[in-house]
Amino acid sequence: MDFFLRLHALSQRFDEQLQRWGGSLLSIGLRFFVGWQFFKAGLIKISDWSATLSLFQDEYKVPVLPPEVAAVMGAGGELVFPIFLAVGLFSRPAALGLFVVNAMAVISYPQLFQFECPAAINDHFYWGISLLVLVMFGPGKFSLDTQLPSRRQ
């Protein structure tokens, strides 16, 4: 029994430090990782705009919006929101915006569900979960959001 108590005490040795810094490290990692995935996609979209417009007109079936508007909004969201996430400014709205962009990508391209390799759709699920974690728990201590004055009383 004494062995298990020592093992338990050892396992809790770093709990205080992990509680203080662990969430912030996880948040900054998620912010950079997920933001980079979307930023790369946005760069690809603007590198060949005519191909992007063609995809939005022929392949992607974005509900309600005209293809040209959807292309601009999709590329804009993929380029702007990741910058906000990277610096940790308006992090929750940026993460929520990218969540919407991600959801629209899945809704607009149902072929994702038909691929033999499930990696394509799984990536979208992982990104969505990561973005929801950021929305729920915030950007962590390493963000500009923590430097802004709060109006809470």
N, C-alpha and C. Protein backbone atom coordinates (compact mmCIF):
# COMPACT_ATOMS: atom_id res chain seq x y z
N MET A 1 0.83 -1.20 0.00
CA MET A 1 0.00 0.00 0.00
C MET A 1 0.87 1.26 0.00
N ASP A 2 1.97 1.20 0.75
CA ASP A 2 2.87 2.34 0.83
C ASP A 2 3.44 2.68 -0.56
N PHE A 3 3.69 1.65 -1.36
CA PHE A 3 4.20 1.86 -2.71
C PHE A 3 3.21 2.67 -3.54
N PHE A 4 1.93 2.33 -3.44
CA PHE A 4 0.90 3.03 -4.21
C PHE A 4 0.73 4.47 -3.76
N LEU A 5 0.85 4.71 -2.46
CA LEU A 5 0.76 6.08 -1.96
C LEU A 5 1.94 6.92 -2.45
N ARG A 6 3.14 6.33 -2.47
CA ARG A 6 4.31 7.06 -3.00
C ARG A 6 4.17 7.30 -4.49
N LEU A 7 3.65 6.32 -5.21
CA LEU A 7 3.43 6.46 -6.64
C LEU A 7 2.40 7.57 -6.92
N HIS A 8 1.36 7.60 -6.12
CA HIS A 8 0.33 8.65 -6.25
C HIS A 8 0.92 10.03 -5.95
N ALA A 9 1.69 10.13 -4.91
CA ALA A 9 2.33 11.41 -4.56
C ALA A 9 3.27 11.86 -5.68
N LEU A 10 4.00 10.92 -6.25
CA LEU A 10 4.90 11.24 -7.37
C LEU A 10 4.12 11.72 -8.58
N SER A 11 2.99 11.07 -8.84
CA SER A 11 2.20 11.45 -10.01
C SER A 11 1.58 12.84 -9.86
N GLN A 12 1.39 13.31 -8.63
CA GLN A 12 0.81 14.63 -8.40
C GLN A 12 1.86 15.71 -8.17
N ARG A 13 3.10 15.36 -8.28
CA ARG A 13 4.19 16.29 -7.99
C ARG A 13 4.14 17.54 -8.87
N PHE A 14 3.74 17.36 -10.11
CA PHE A 14 3.76 18.48 -11.05
C PHE A 14 2.37 19.02 -11.35
N ASP A 15 1.37 18.59 -10.60
CA ASP A 15 0.00 19.03 -10.86
C ASP A 15 -0.16 20.54 -10.82
N GLU A 16 0.42 21.17 -9.83
CA GLU A 16 0.27 22.62 -9.70
C GLU A 16 0.83 23.35 -10.92
N GLN A 17 2.01 22.93 -11.37
CA GLN A 17 2.62 23.56 -12.55
C GLN A 17 1.82 23.28 -13.81
N LEU A 18 1.33 22.04 -13.92
CA LEU A 18 0.51 21.71 -15.09
C LEU A 18 -0.79 22.51 -15.10
N GLN A 19 -1.39 22.69 -13.95
CA GLN A 19 -2.62 23.48 -13.89
C GLN A 19 -2.34 24.93 -14.22
N ARG A 20 -1.19 25.42 -13.82
CA ARG A 20 -0.84 26.82 -14.06
C ARG A 20 -0.48 27.06 -15.52
N TRP A 21 0.30 26.17 -16.13
CA TRP A 21 0.84 26.41 -17.47
C TRP A 21 0.36 25.42 -18.53
N GLY A 22 -0.08 24.26 -18.12
CA GLY A 22 -0.44 23.22 -19.09
C GLY A 22 -1.54 23.62 -20.04
N GLY A 23 -2.60 24.22 -19.52
CA GLY A 23 -3.70 24.66 -20.37
C GLY A 23 -3.27 25.72 -21.36
N SER A 24 -2.39 26.62 -20.91
CA SER A 24 -1.91 27.67 -21.81
C SER A 24 -1.04 27.09 -22.92
N LEU A 25 -0.20 26.13 -22.57
CA LEU A 25 0.64 25.49 -23.58
C LEU A 25 -0.21 24.70 -24.58
N LEU A 26 -1.21 24.01 -24.08
CA LEU A 26 -2.11 23.28 -24.97
C LEU A 26 -2.84 24.26 -25.88
N SER A 27 -3.33 25.35 -25.33
CA SER A 27 -4.07 26.34 -26.13
C SER A 27 -3.21 26.95 -27.22
N ILE A 28 -1.99 27.33 -26.88
CA ILE A 28 -1.14 27.94 -27.91
C ILE A 28 -0.78 26.91 -28.98
N GLY A 29 -0.58 25.68 -28.57
CA GLY A 29 -0.33 24.63 -29.56
C GLY A 29 -1.50 24.43 -30.50
N LEU A 30 -2.70 24.38 -29.94
CA LEU A 30 -3.90 24.25 -30.78
C LEU A 30 -4.09 25.46 -31.68
N ARG A 31 -3.86 26.65 -31.13
CA ARG A 31 -4.03 27.87 -31.93
C ARG A 31 -3.12 27.86 -33.14
N PHE A 32 -1.85 27.53 -32.93
CA PHE A 32 -0.90 27.52 -34.05
C PHE A 32 -1.17 26.38 -35.02
N PHE A 33 -1.43 25.19 -34.50
CA PHE A 33 -1.63 24.03 -35.37
C PHE A 33 -2.86 24.21 -36.26
N VAL A 34 -4.01 24.47 -35.64
CA VAL A 34 -5.24 24.57 -36.42
C VAL A 34 -5.21 25.81 -37.30
N GLY A 35 -4.72 26.90 -36.78
CA GLY A 35 -4.63 28.11 -37.59
C GLY A 35 -3.77 27.91 -38.83
N TRP A 36 -2.66 27.19 -38.68
CA TRP A 36 -1.76 26.95 -39.81
C TRP A 36 -2.45 26.10 -40.88
N GLN A 37 -3.26 25.13 -40.48
CA GLN A 37 -3.96 24.29 -41.46
C GLN A 37 -4.88 25.14 -42.33
N PHE A 38 -5.61 26.04 -41.70
CA PHE A 38 -6.54 26.87 -42.46
C PHE A 38 -5.81 27.94 -43.26
N PHE A 39 -4.76 28.50 -42.70
CA PHE A 39 -4.00 29.53 -43.40
C PHE A 39 -3.40 28.97 -44.68
N LYS A 40 -2.85 27.75 -44.62
CA LYS A 40 -2.31 27.11 -45.83
C LYS A 40 -3.40 26.95 -46.88
N ALA A 41 -4.59 26.54 -46.47
CA ALA A 41 -5.70 26.36 -47.42
C ALA A 41 -6.08 27.70 -48.06
N GLY A 42 -6.07 28.77 -47.26
CA GLY A 42 -6.37 30.09 -47.81
C GLY A 42 -5.32 30.54 -48.81
N LEU A 43 -4.05 30.27 -48.52
CA LEU A 43 -2.98 30.63 -49.46
C LEU A 43 -3.13 29.89 -50.78
N ILE A 44 -3.51 28.63 -50.70
CA ILE A 44 -3.73 27.86 -51.93
C ILE A 44 -4.88 28.45 -52.73
N LYS A 45 -5.95 28.85 -52.03
CA LYS A 45 -7.10 29.43 -52.73
C LYS A 45 -6.72 30.71 -53.47
N ILE A 46 -5.95 31.60 -52.84
CA ILE A 46 -5.64 32.87 -53.52
C ILE A 46 -4.50 32.72 -54.52
N SER A 47 -3.74 31.62 -54.46
CA SER A 47 -2.65 31.44 -55.42
C SER A 47 -3.16 31.18 -56.83
N ASP A 48 -4.35 30.60 -56.96
CA ASP A 48 -4.96 30.38 -58.27
C ASP A 48 -6.46 30.66 -58.15
N TRP A 49 -6.78 31.93 -58.21
CA TRP A 49 -8.15 32.36 -57.94
C TRP A 49 -9.14 31.81 -58.95
N SER A 50 -8.74 31.70 -60.22
CA SER A 50 -9.67 31.17 -61.23
C SER A 50 -10.01 29.71 -60.93
N ALA A 51 -9.03 28.93 -60.47
CA ALA A 51 -9.31 27.54 -60.09
C ALA A 51 -10.21 27.49 -58.86
N THR A 52 -9.98 28.40 -57.93
CA THR A 52 -10.83 28.46 -56.73
C THR A 52 -12.27 28.77 -57.11
N LEU A 53 -12.46 29.77 -57.96
CA LEU A 53 -13.82 30.10 -58.41
C LEU A 53 -14.47 28.93 -59.13
N SER A 54 -13.68 28.24 -59.93
CA SER A 54 -14.20 27.07 -60.64
C SER A 54 -14.64 25.98 -59.67
N LEU A 55 -13.85 25.74 -58.64
CA LEU A 55 -14.23 24.75 -57.62
C LEU A 55 -15.53 25.14 -56.92
N PHE A 56 -15.65 26.42 -56.57
CA PHE A 56 -16.86 26.86 -55.87
C PHE A 56 -18.09 26.84 -56.80
N GLN A 57 -17.86 26.99 -58.09
CA GLN A 57 -18.99 26.95 -59.03
C GLN A 57 -19.40 25.52 -59.38
N ASP A 58 -18.41 24.62 -59.49
CA ASP A 58 -18.70 23.28 -60.01
C ASP A 58 -18.72 22.18 -58.95
N GLU A 59 -17.83 22.25 -57.96
CA GLU A 59 -17.67 21.16 -56.99
C GLU A 59 -18.38 21.42 -55.67
N TYR A 60 -18.06 22.55 -55.07
CA TYR A 60 -18.60 22.85 -53.75
C TYR A 60 -20.03 23.35 -53.88
N LYS A 61 -20.87 22.84 -53.08
CA LYS A 61 -22.29 23.22 -53.10
C LYS A 61 -22.62 24.00 -51.83
N VAL A 62 -22.14 25.23 -51.76
CA VAL A 62 -22.38 26.06 -50.58
C VAL A 62 -23.85 26.50 -50.60
N PRO A 63 -24.58 26.20 -49.53
CA PRO A 63 -25.99 26.60 -49.50
C PRO A 63 -26.14 28.12 -49.36
N VAL A 64 -27.15 28.66 -49.98
CA VAL A 64 -27.60 30.05 -49.86
C VAL A 64 -26.71 31.05 -50.62
N LEU A 65 -25.40 30.97 -50.47
CA LEU A 65 -24.51 31.99 -51.04
C LEU A 65 -24.17 31.71 -52.50
N PRO A 66 -24.05 32.78 -53.30
CA PRO A 66 -23.53 32.60 -54.65
C PRO A 66 -22.07 32.11 -54.58
N PRO A 67 -21.61 31.32 -55.55
CA PRO A 67 -20.27 30.75 -55.49
C PRO A 67 -19.16 31.79 -55.34
N GLU A 68 -19.29 32.93 -55.99
CA GLU A 68 -18.25 33.96 -55.91
C GLU A 68 -18.15 34.52 -54.49
N VAL A 69 -19.29 34.75 -53.88
CA VAL A 69 -19.31 35.27 -52.50
C VAL A 69 -18.77 34.21 -51.54
N ALA A 70 -19.17 32.97 -51.75
CA ALA A 70 -18.68 31.88 -50.88
C ALA A 70 -17.17 31.73 -51.00
N ALA A 71 -16.63 31.88 -52.21
CA ALA A 71 -15.17 31.77 -52.41
C ALA A 71 -14.43 32.87 -51.67
N VAL A 72 -14.94 34.10 -51.77
CA VAL A 72 -14.29 35.23 -51.08
C VAL A 72 -14.38 35.05 -49.57
N MET A 73 -15.56 34.66 -49.09
CA MET A 73 -15.72 34.48 -47.65
C MET A 73 -14.88 33.32 -47.13
N GLY A 74 -14.83 32.22 -47.88
CA GLY A 74 -14.04 31.07 -47.45
C GLY A 74 -12.55 31.40 -47.39
N ALA A 75 -12.04 31.99 -48.47
CA ALA A 75 -10.62 32.35 -48.51
C ALA A 75 -10.30 33.41 -47.46
N GLY A 76 -11.19 34.39 -47.33
CA GLY A 76 -10.98 35.45 -46.34
C GLY A 76 -10.94 34.90 -44.92
N GLY A 77 -11.88 34.01 -44.61
CA GLY A 77 -11.90 33.41 -43.28
C GLY A 77 -10.67 32.58 -43.01
N GLU A 78 -10.21 31.86 -44.05
CA GLU A 78 -9.03 31.01 -43.87
C GLU A 78 -7.74 31.82 -43.75
N LEU A 79 -7.76 33.06 -44.19
CA LEU A 79 -6.56 33.90 -44.09
C LEU A 79 -6.58 34.83 -42.88
N VAL A 80 -7.74 35.32 -42.50
CA VAL A 80 -7.82 36.31 -41.42
C VAL A 80 -7.94 35.67 -40.04
N PHE A 81 -8.85 34.72 -39.87
CA PHE A 81 -9.05 34.12 -38.55
C PHE A 81 -7.79 33.45 -37.99
N PRO A 82 -6.98 32.75 -38.81
CA PRO A 82 -5.76 32.15 -38.25
C PRO A 82 -4.77 33.18 -37.71
N ILE A 83 -4.73 34.36 -38.30
CA ILE A 83 -3.83 35.40 -37.80
C ILE A 83 -4.27 35.83 -36.40
N PHE A 84 -5.57 36.02 -36.24
CA PHE A 84 -6.09 36.35 -34.91
C PHE A 84 -5.80 35.24 -33.91
N LEU A 85 -5.95 33.99 -34.34
CA LEU A 85 -5.64 32.87 -33.44
C LEU A 85 -4.17 32.85 -33.06
N ALA A 86 -3.30 33.08 -34.03
CA ALA A 86 -1.85 33.00 -33.78
C ALA A 86 -1.41 34.01 -32.73
N VAL A 87 -1.92 35.23 -32.81
CA VAL A 87 -1.51 36.24 -31.84
C VAL A 87 -2.38 36.22 -30.59
N GLY A 88 -3.46 35.46 -30.65
CA GLY A 88 -4.32 35.36 -29.48
C GLY A 88 -5.17 36.59 -29.27
N LEU A 89 -5.59 37.22 -30.34
CA LEU A 89 -6.44 38.41 -30.27
C LEU A 89 -7.83 38.05 -30.78
N PHE A 90 -8.86 38.31 -30.00
CA PHE A 90 -10.23 37.90 -30.33
C PHE A 90 -10.26 36.40 -30.64
N SER A 91 -9.59 35.65 -29.80
CA SER A 91 -9.36 34.23 -30.05
C SER A 91 -10.65 33.41 -30.13
N ARG A 92 -11.55 33.65 -29.20
CA ARG A 92 -12.79 32.86 -29.23
C ARG A 92 -13.62 33.16 -30.48
N PRO A 93 -13.83 34.44 -30.84
CA PRO A 93 -14.56 34.68 -32.09
C PRO A 93 -13.83 34.13 -33.32
N ALA A 94 -12.50 34.20 -33.33
CA ALA A 94 -11.73 33.66 -34.46
C ALA A 94 -11.88 32.15 -34.54
N ALA A 95 -11.81 31.48 -33.40
CA ALA A 95 -11.98 30.02 -33.38
C ALA A 95 -13.39 29.65 -33.82
N LEU A 96 -14.37 30.41 -33.38
CA LEU A 96 -15.75 30.15 -33.78
C LEU A 96 -15.92 30.40 -35.29
N GLY A 97 -15.30 31.45 -35.80
CA GLY A 97 -15.35 31.72 -37.24
C GLY A 97 -14.74 30.59 -38.04
N LEU A 98 -13.58 30.09 -37.60
CA LEU A 98 -12.96 28.96 -38.30
C LEU A 98 -13.79 27.69 -38.16
N PHE A 99 -14.48 27.55 -37.05
CA PHE A 99 -15.38 26.40 -36.89
C PHE A 99 -16.47 26.45 -37.95
N VAL A 100 -17.02 27.63 -38.19
CA VAL A 100 -18.06 27.80 -39.22
C VAL A 100 -17.48 27.52 -40.61
N VAL A 101 -16.28 28.04 -40.88
CA VAL A 101 -15.62 27.77 -42.17
C VAL A 101 -15.44 26.26 -42.34
N ASN A 102 -14.98 25.59 -41.30
CA ASN A 102 -14.77 24.15 -41.33
C ASN A 102 -16.09 23.41 -41.57
N ALA A 103 -17.13 23.81 -40.85
CA ALA A 103 -18.43 23.17 -41.01
C ALA A 103 -18.97 23.38 -42.42
N MET A 104 -18.80 24.58 -42.96
CA MET A 104 -19.27 24.84 -44.33
C MET A 104 -18.49 24.00 -45.33
N ALA A 105 -17.21 23.79 -45.09
CA ALA A 105 -16.41 22.95 -45.99
C ALA A 105 -16.96 21.53 -46.02
N VAL A 106 -17.31 21.00 -44.86
CA VAL A 106 -17.84 19.64 -44.78
C VAL A 106 -19.23 19.57 -45.41
N ILE A 107 -20.06 20.55 -45.13
CA ILE A 107 -21.42 20.57 -45.68
C ILE A 107 -21.39 20.74 -47.20
N SER A 108 -20.50 21.59 -47.69
CA SER A 108 -20.47 21.95 -49.10
C SER A 108 -19.78 20.92 -49.98
N TYR A 109 -19.06 20.02 -49.39
CA TYR A 109 -18.32 19.04 -50.18
C TYR A 109 -18.62 17.64 -49.65
N PRO A 110 -19.83 17.13 -49.93
CA PRO A 110 -20.23 15.83 -49.37
C PRO A 110 -19.39 14.66 -49.88
N GLN A 111 -18.58 14.86 -50.93
CA GLN A 111 -17.72 13.80 -51.42
C GLN A 111 -16.70 13.37 -50.35
N LEU A 112 -16.44 14.23 -49.37
CA LEU A 112 -15.53 13.87 -48.28
C LEU A 112 -15.94 12.56 -47.61
N PHE A 113 -17.25 12.31 -47.56
CA PHE A 113 -17.75 11.12 -46.89
C PHE A 113 -17.64 9.88 -47.76
N GLN A 114 -17.34 10.08 -49.05
CA GLN A 114 -17.29 8.95 -49.98
C GLN A 114 -15.88 8.46 -50.27
N PHE A 115 -14.86 9.16 -49.80
CA PHE A 115 -13.49 8.75 -50.07
C PHE A 115 -13.19 7.44 -49.35
N GLU A 116 -12.37 6.62 -50.00
CA GLU A 116 -11.98 5.34 -49.38
C GLU A 116 -11.14 5.57 -48.13
N CYS A 117 -10.32 6.60 -48.17
CA CYS A 117 -9.47 6.92 -47.02
C CYS A 117 -10.21 7.94 -46.16
N PRO A 118 -10.50 7.59 -44.91
CA PRO A 118 -11.29 8.51 -44.07
C PRO A 118 -10.49 9.69 -43.53
N ALA A 119 -9.21 9.80 -43.90
CA ALA A 119 -8.38 10.87 -43.33
C ALA A 119 -8.93 12.26 -43.64
N ALA A 120 -9.48 12.46 -44.82
CA ALA A 120 -9.96 13.79 -45.20
C ALA A 120 -11.07 14.27 -44.27
N ILE A 121 -12.06 13.45 -44.05
CA ILE A 121 -13.16 13.87 -43.19
C ILE A 121 -12.71 13.88 -41.73
N ASN A 122 -11.84 12.95 -41.35
CA ASN A 122 -11.34 12.92 -39.97
C ASN A 122 -10.59 14.19 -39.63
N ASP A 123 -9.79 14.72 -40.57
CA ASP A 123 -9.09 15.98 -40.32
C ASP A 123 -10.08 17.08 -39.96
N HIS A 124 -11.17 17.16 -40.69
CA HIS A 124 -12.17 18.19 -40.41
C HIS A 124 -12.79 18.00 -39.02
N PHE A 125 -13.02 16.76 -38.64
CA PHE A 125 -13.56 16.50 -37.30
C PHE A 125 -12.55 16.92 -36.23
N TYR A 126 -11.27 16.57 -36.41
CA TYR A 126 -10.25 16.94 -35.42
C TYR A 126 -10.10 18.45 -35.32
N TRP A 127 -10.10 19.12 -36.46
CA TRP A 127 -10.00 20.59 -36.45
C TRP A 127 -11.21 21.19 -35.74
N GLY A 128 -12.39 20.66 -36.03
CA GLY A 128 -13.60 21.16 -35.39
C GLY A 128 -13.56 20.99 -33.88
N ILE A 129 -13.13 19.83 -33.42
CA ILE A 129 -13.04 19.59 -31.98
C ILE A 129 -12.01 20.53 -31.36
N SER A 130 -10.86 20.68 -32.02
CA SER A 130 -9.82 21.57 -31.49
C SER A 130 -10.33 23.01 -31.40
N LEU A 131 -11.06 23.44 -32.41
CA LEU A 131 -11.60 24.81 -32.40
C LEU A 131 -12.64 24.98 -31.29
N LEU A 132 -13.45 23.96 -31.07
CA LEU A 132 -14.42 24.04 -29.97
C LEU A 132 -13.73 24.09 -28.61
N VAL A 133 -12.61 23.39 -28.46
CA VAL A 133 -11.83 23.47 -27.22
C VAL A 133 -11.37 24.91 -27.01
N LEU A 134 -10.90 25.56 -28.07
CA LEU A 134 -10.45 26.95 -27.94
C LEU A 134 -11.62 27.89 -27.62
N VAL A 135 -12.77 27.63 -28.22
CA VAL A 135 -13.95 28.46 -27.92
C VAL A 135 -14.34 28.30 -26.46
N MET A 136 -14.34 27.06 -25.97
CA MET A 136 -14.79 26.80 -24.61
C MET A 136 -13.79 27.23 -23.54
N PHE A 137 -12.50 26.98 -23.76
CA PHE A 137 -11.50 27.20 -22.72
C PHE A 137 -10.63 28.43 -22.95
N GLY A 138 -10.73 29.04 -24.10
CA GLY A 138 -10.01 30.27 -24.36
C GLY A 138 -8.59 30.07 -24.85
N PRO A 139 -7.90 31.17 -25.11
CA PRO A 139 -6.59 31.12 -25.74
C PRO A 139 -5.43 30.84 -24.79
N GLY A 140 -5.67 30.85 -23.50
CA GLY A 140 -4.58 30.64 -22.55
C GLY A 140 -3.86 31.93 -22.21
N LYS A 141 -2.85 31.81 -21.38
CA LYS A 141 -2.13 32.99 -20.87
C LYS A 141 -1.23 33.64 -21.90
N PHE A 142 -0.82 32.87 -22.92
CA PHE A 142 0.09 33.40 -23.93
C PHE A 142 -0.70 33.97 -25.10
N SER A 143 -1.47 35.01 -24.83
CA SER A 143 -2.30 35.62 -25.87
C SER A 143 -2.48 37.11 -25.58
N LEU A 144 -2.78 37.84 -26.61
CA LEU A 144 -3.06 39.27 -26.43
C LEU A 144 -4.39 39.49 -25.73
N ASP A 145 -5.29 38.52 -25.84
CA ASP A 145 -6.58 38.64 -25.16
C ASP A 145 -6.42 38.85 -23.66
N THR A 146 -5.41 38.23 -23.07
CA THR A 146 -5.21 38.37 -21.62
C THR A 146 -4.70 39.75 -21.25
N GLN A 147 -4.17 40.48 -22.23
CA GLN A 147 -3.64 41.82 -21.97
C GLN A 147 -4.70 42.91 -22.11
N LEU A 148 -5.81 42.58 -22.74
CA LEU A 148 -6.88 43.56 -22.91
C LEU A 148 -7.63 43.75 -21.60
N PRO A 149 -8.02 44.98 -21.32
CA PRO A 149 -8.78 45.19 -20.07
C PRO A 149 -10.16 44.54 -20.17
N SER A 150 -10.58 44.00 -19.06
CA SER A 150 -11.88 43.34 -19.00
C SER A 150 -12.90 44.30 -18.42
N ARG A 151 -14.11 44.27 -18.94
CA ARG A 151 -15.16 45.16 -18.44
C ARG A 151 -16.05 44.44 -17.44
N ARG A 152 -15.66 43.21 -17.05
CA ARG A 152 -16.44 42.47 -16.05
C ARG A 152 -16.32 43.13 -14.69
N GLN A 153 -17.40 43.09 -13.96
CA GLN A 153 -17.37 43.69 -12.62
C GLN A 153 -17.96 42.77 -11.60
